[in-house]
Amino acid sequence: MIGSIKGKIILKREKWLIVETSSGVGYKINVSPGTKFGDVGRLQLFFIHTHVREDALDLYGFLEYPELEFFEMLISVSGI
């Protein structure tokens, strides 16, 4: 599982962004709308929740580790 990604933001949209790591790989990371991430070109660290399904591998990024923990607690509750 991917636990964190540190890299340069190369593209930002309302619900996702692409972060390019030092190895040259760009990761599409889903983010909460309205979260204040850095500008394009800025180096940023994201704590990652990796969600694997049969037809997809999704990454959800958070600036602070407690936000990630809260998200993982919410999705562990049945019906959410």
N, C-alpha and C. Protein backbone atom coordinates (compact mmCIF):
# COMPACT_ATOMS: atom_id res chain seq x y z
N MET A 1 0.83 -1.19 0.00
CA MET A 1 0.00 0.00 0.00
C MET A 1 0.88 1.26 0.00
N ILE A 2 0.38 2.26 -0.65
CA ILE A 2 1.06 3.55 -0.66
C ILE A 2 0.60 4.32 0.58
N GLY A 3 1.55 4.75 1.41
CA GLY A 3 1.22 5.45 2.65
C GLY A 3 1.44 6.95 2.60
N SER A 4 2.36 7.39 1.73
CA SER A 4 2.60 8.82 1.57
C SER A 4 3.25 9.05 0.22
N ILE A 5 3.09 10.26 -0.28
CA ILE A 5 3.72 10.68 -1.53
C ILE A 5 4.23 12.09 -1.32
N LYS A 6 5.50 12.30 -1.68
CA LYS A 6 6.08 13.64 -1.63
C LYS A 6 6.55 13.98 -3.03
N GLY A 7 6.08 15.12 -3.52
CA GLY A 7 6.47 15.52 -4.86
C GLY A 7 5.94 16.89 -5.20
N LYS A 8 6.16 17.25 -6.45
CA LYS A 8 5.77 18.56 -6.95
C LYS A 8 4.37 18.49 -7.56
N ILE A 9 3.51 19.41 -7.16
CA ILE A 9 2.17 19.49 -7.75
C ILE A 9 2.33 20.02 -9.17
N ILE A 10 1.86 19.22 -10.15
CA ILE A 10 2.00 19.67 -11.54
C ILE A 10 0.67 20.02 -12.19
N LEU A 11 -0.45 19.61 -11.57
CA LEU A 11 -1.77 19.93 -12.09
C LEU A 11 -2.77 19.89 -10.95
N LYS A 12 -3.64 20.90 -10.87
CA LYS A 12 -4.65 20.96 -9.80
C LYS A 12 -6.03 21.11 -10.42
N ARG A 13 -6.97 20.34 -9.88
CA ARG A 13 -8.38 20.48 -10.19
C ARG A 13 -9.12 20.54 -8.87
N GLU A 14 -10.44 20.74 -8.91
CA GLU A 14 -11.19 20.90 -7.67
C GLU A 14 -11.14 19.65 -6.80
N LYS A 15 -11.28 18.46 -7.40
CA LYS A 15 -11.38 17.22 -6.63
C LYS A 15 -10.15 16.32 -6.71
N TRP A 16 -9.15 16.69 -7.49
CA TRP A 16 -7.95 15.87 -7.60
C TRP A 16 -6.78 16.73 -8.07
N LEU A 17 -5.60 16.15 -7.92
CA LEU A 17 -4.39 16.81 -8.42
C LEU A 17 -3.39 15.73 -8.84
N ILE A 18 -2.40 16.15 -9.57
CA ILE A 18 -1.33 15.23 -9.98
C ILE A 18 -0.04 15.71 -9.34
N VAL A 19 0.64 14.78 -8.67
CA VAL A 19 1.90 15.05 -8.00
C VAL A 19 2.98 14.21 -8.68
N GLU A 20 4.04 14.87 -9.13
CA GLU A 20 5.16 14.18 -9.75
C GLU A 20 6.27 14.01 -8.73
N THR A 21 6.68 12.77 -8.51
CA THR A 21 7.73 12.48 -7.54
C THR A 21 9.10 12.68 -8.19
N SER A 22 10.15 12.59 -7.39
CA SER A 22 11.50 12.79 -7.90
C SER A 22 11.90 11.71 -8.91
N SER A 23 11.21 10.57 -8.91
CA SER A 23 11.50 9.52 -9.88
C SER A 23 10.83 9.78 -11.22
N GLY A 24 10.01 10.84 -11.31
CA GLY A 24 9.35 11.19 -12.56
C GLY A 24 7.97 10.59 -12.73
N VAL A 25 7.47 9.87 -11.73
CA VAL A 25 6.14 9.28 -11.80
C VAL A 25 5.13 10.28 -11.27
N GLY A 26 4.04 10.48 -12.02
CA GLY A 26 2.96 11.36 -11.59
C GLY A 26 1.81 10.56 -11.04
N TYR A 27 1.34 10.91 -9.85
CA TYR A 27 0.24 10.21 -9.20
C TYR A 27 -0.98 11.12 -9.17
N LYS A 28 -2.14 10.59 -9.59
CA LYS A 28 -3.39 11.32 -9.48
C LYS A 28 -3.95 11.03 -8.09
N ILE A 29 -4.14 12.09 -7.31
CA ILE A 29 -4.57 11.96 -5.92
C ILE A 29 -5.91 12.68 -5.76
N ASN A 30 -6.91 11.95 -5.27
CA ASN A 30 -8.21 12.54 -4.96
C ASN A 30 -8.08 13.35 -3.67
N VAL A 31 -8.67 14.54 -3.68
CA VAL A 31 -8.61 15.42 -2.51
C VAL A 31 -9.99 16.00 -2.25
N SER A 32 -10.21 16.48 -1.04
CA SER A 32 -11.47 17.13 -0.69
C SER A 32 -11.56 18.48 -1.37
N PRO A 33 -12.70 18.77 -2.00
CA PRO A 33 -12.86 20.10 -2.60
C PRO A 33 -12.70 21.19 -1.53
N GLY A 34 -12.03 22.25 -1.90
CA GLY A 34 -11.86 23.36 -0.97
C GLY A 34 -10.63 23.26 -0.07
N THR A 35 -9.95 22.11 -0.08
CA THR A 35 -8.73 21.99 0.73
C THR A 35 -7.65 22.87 0.14
N LYS A 36 -6.93 23.58 0.98
CA LYS A 36 -5.93 24.54 0.52
C LYS A 36 -4.55 23.88 0.38
N PHE A 37 -4.32 23.29 -0.78
CA PHE A 37 -3.02 22.72 -1.09
C PHE A 37 -2.14 23.81 -1.69
N GLY A 38 -0.88 23.51 -1.83
CA GLY A 38 0.05 24.48 -2.40
C GLY A 38 -0.25 24.75 -3.87
N ASP A 39 0.44 25.73 -4.40
CA ASP A 39 0.29 26.08 -5.81
C ASP A 39 1.01 25.07 -6.69
N VAL A 40 0.69 25.10 -7.98
CA VAL A 40 1.38 24.28 -8.95
C VAL A 40 2.87 24.62 -8.89
N GLY A 41 3.71 23.59 -8.90
CA GLY A 41 5.16 23.78 -8.81
C GLY A 41 5.70 23.63 -7.40
N ARG A 42 4.83 23.61 -6.41
CA ARG A 42 5.26 23.51 -5.01
C ARG A 42 5.48 22.05 -4.61
N LEU A 43 6.50 21.82 -3.80
CA LEU A 43 6.76 20.51 -3.23
C LEU A 43 5.80 20.29 -2.07
N GLN A 44 5.12 19.13 -2.04
CA GLN A 44 4.10 18.88 -1.03
C GLN A 44 4.15 17.42 -0.60
N LEU A 45 3.89 17.17 0.68
CA LEU A 45 3.79 15.82 1.21
C LEU A 45 2.32 15.51 1.45
N PHE A 46 1.88 14.33 1.00
CA PHE A 46 0.51 13.87 1.19
C PHE A 46 0.53 12.54 1.93
N PHE A 47 -0.33 12.42 2.93
CA PHE A 47 -0.58 11.14 3.57
C PHE A 47 -1.69 10.49 2.74
N ILE A 48 -1.51 9.23 2.38
CA ILE A 48 -2.34 8.58 1.37
C ILE A 48 -3.15 7.42 1.94
N HIS A 49 -4.42 7.37 1.55
CA HIS A 49 -5.23 6.17 1.73
C HIS A 49 -5.33 5.53 0.35
N THR A 50 -4.90 4.28 0.22
CA THR A 50 -4.95 3.56 -1.05
C THR A 50 -6.19 2.67 -1.04
N HIS A 51 -7.06 2.89 -2.01
CA HIS A 51 -8.29 2.10 -2.12
C HIS A 51 -8.20 1.24 -3.37
N VAL A 52 -8.16 -0.09 -3.18
CA VAL A 52 -8.01 -1.03 -4.29
C VAL A 52 -9.34 -1.73 -4.52
N ARG A 53 -9.79 -1.68 -5.77
CA ARG A 53 -10.99 -2.41 -6.19
C ARG A 53 -10.61 -3.27 -7.39
N GLU A 54 -11.53 -4.08 -7.81
CA GLU A 54 -11.27 -4.95 -8.96
C GLU A 54 -10.95 -4.15 -10.22
N ASP A 55 -11.61 -3.00 -10.38
CA ASP A 55 -11.45 -2.21 -11.60
C ASP A 55 -10.72 -0.88 -11.41
N ALA A 56 -10.18 -0.64 -10.22
CA ALA A 56 -9.53 0.66 -9.99
C ALA A 56 -8.58 0.61 -8.80
N LEU A 57 -7.63 1.52 -8.82
CA LEU A 57 -6.74 1.77 -7.68
C LEU A 57 -6.79 3.28 -7.46
N ASP A 58 -7.42 3.72 -6.38
CA ASP A 58 -7.61 5.14 -6.11
C ASP A 58 -6.76 5.58 -4.93
N LEU A 59 -6.21 6.79 -5.04
CA LEU A 59 -5.42 7.38 -3.97
C LEU A 59 -6.16 8.60 -3.43
N TYR A 60 -6.27 8.69 -2.11
CA TYR A 60 -6.90 9.82 -1.44
C TYR A 60 -5.83 10.49 -0.58
N GLY A 61 -5.62 11.79 -0.80
CA GLY A 61 -4.54 12.49 -0.14
C GLY A 61 -5.00 13.46 0.93
N PHE A 62 -4.20 13.55 2.00
CA PHE A 62 -4.47 14.43 3.14
C PHE A 62 -3.17 15.12 3.54
N LEU A 63 -3.29 16.37 3.98
CA LEU A 63 -2.11 17.13 4.40
C LEU A 63 -1.63 16.74 5.78
N GLU A 64 -2.54 16.33 6.64
CA GLU A 64 -2.21 15.98 8.03
C GLU A 64 -2.61 14.53 8.30
N TYR A 65 -1.78 13.84 9.08
CA TYR A 65 -2.06 12.44 9.40
C TYR A 65 -3.38 12.25 10.15
N PRO A 66 -3.74 13.11 11.10
CA PRO A 66 -5.04 12.94 11.78
C PRO A 66 -6.24 12.99 10.81
N GLU A 67 -6.13 13.77 9.73
CA GLU A 67 -7.20 13.79 8.72
C GLU A 67 -7.34 12.42 8.06
N LEU A 68 -6.21 11.80 7.76
CA LEU A 68 -6.22 10.45 7.18
C LEU A 68 -6.84 9.46 8.15
N GLU A 69 -6.46 9.52 9.41
CA GLU A 69 -7.01 8.61 10.41
C GLU A 69 -8.53 8.78 10.53
N PHE A 70 -9.00 10.03 10.52
CA PHE A 70 -10.43 10.29 10.61
C PHE A 70 -11.16 9.73 9.40
N PHE A 71 -10.61 9.94 8.20
CA PHE A 71 -11.19 9.40 6.97
C PHE A 71 -11.29 7.88 7.04
N GLU A 72 -10.23 7.23 7.48
CA GLU A 72 -10.23 5.77 7.56
C GLU A 72 -11.20 5.26 8.63
N MET A 73 -11.38 6.03 9.69
CA MET A 73 -12.38 5.66 10.69
C MET A 73 -13.78 5.77 10.09
N LEU A 74 -14.05 6.83 9.36
CA LEU A 74 -15.38 7.01 8.74
C LEU A 74 -15.70 5.90 7.75
N ILE A 75 -14.76 5.55 6.91
CA ILE A 75 -15.06 4.53 5.89
C ILE A 75 -15.13 3.12 6.49
N SER A 76 -14.66 2.96 7.71
CA SER A 76 -14.76 1.64 8.35
C SER A 76 -16.15 1.39 8.95
N VAL A 77 -16.94 2.46 9.07
CA VAL A 77 -18.29 2.34 9.63
C VAL A 77 -19.22 1.79 8.54
N SER A 78 -19.95 0.76 8.86
CA SER A 78 -20.87 0.14 7.91
C SER A 78 -21.93 1.14 7.46
N GLY A 79 -22.16 1.20 6.15
CA GLY A 79 -23.19 2.08 5.60
C GLY A 79 -22.71 3.45 5.17
N ILE A 80 -21.44 3.76 5.40
CA ILE A 80 -20.91 5.08 5.00
C ILE A 80 -20.07 4.90 3.75
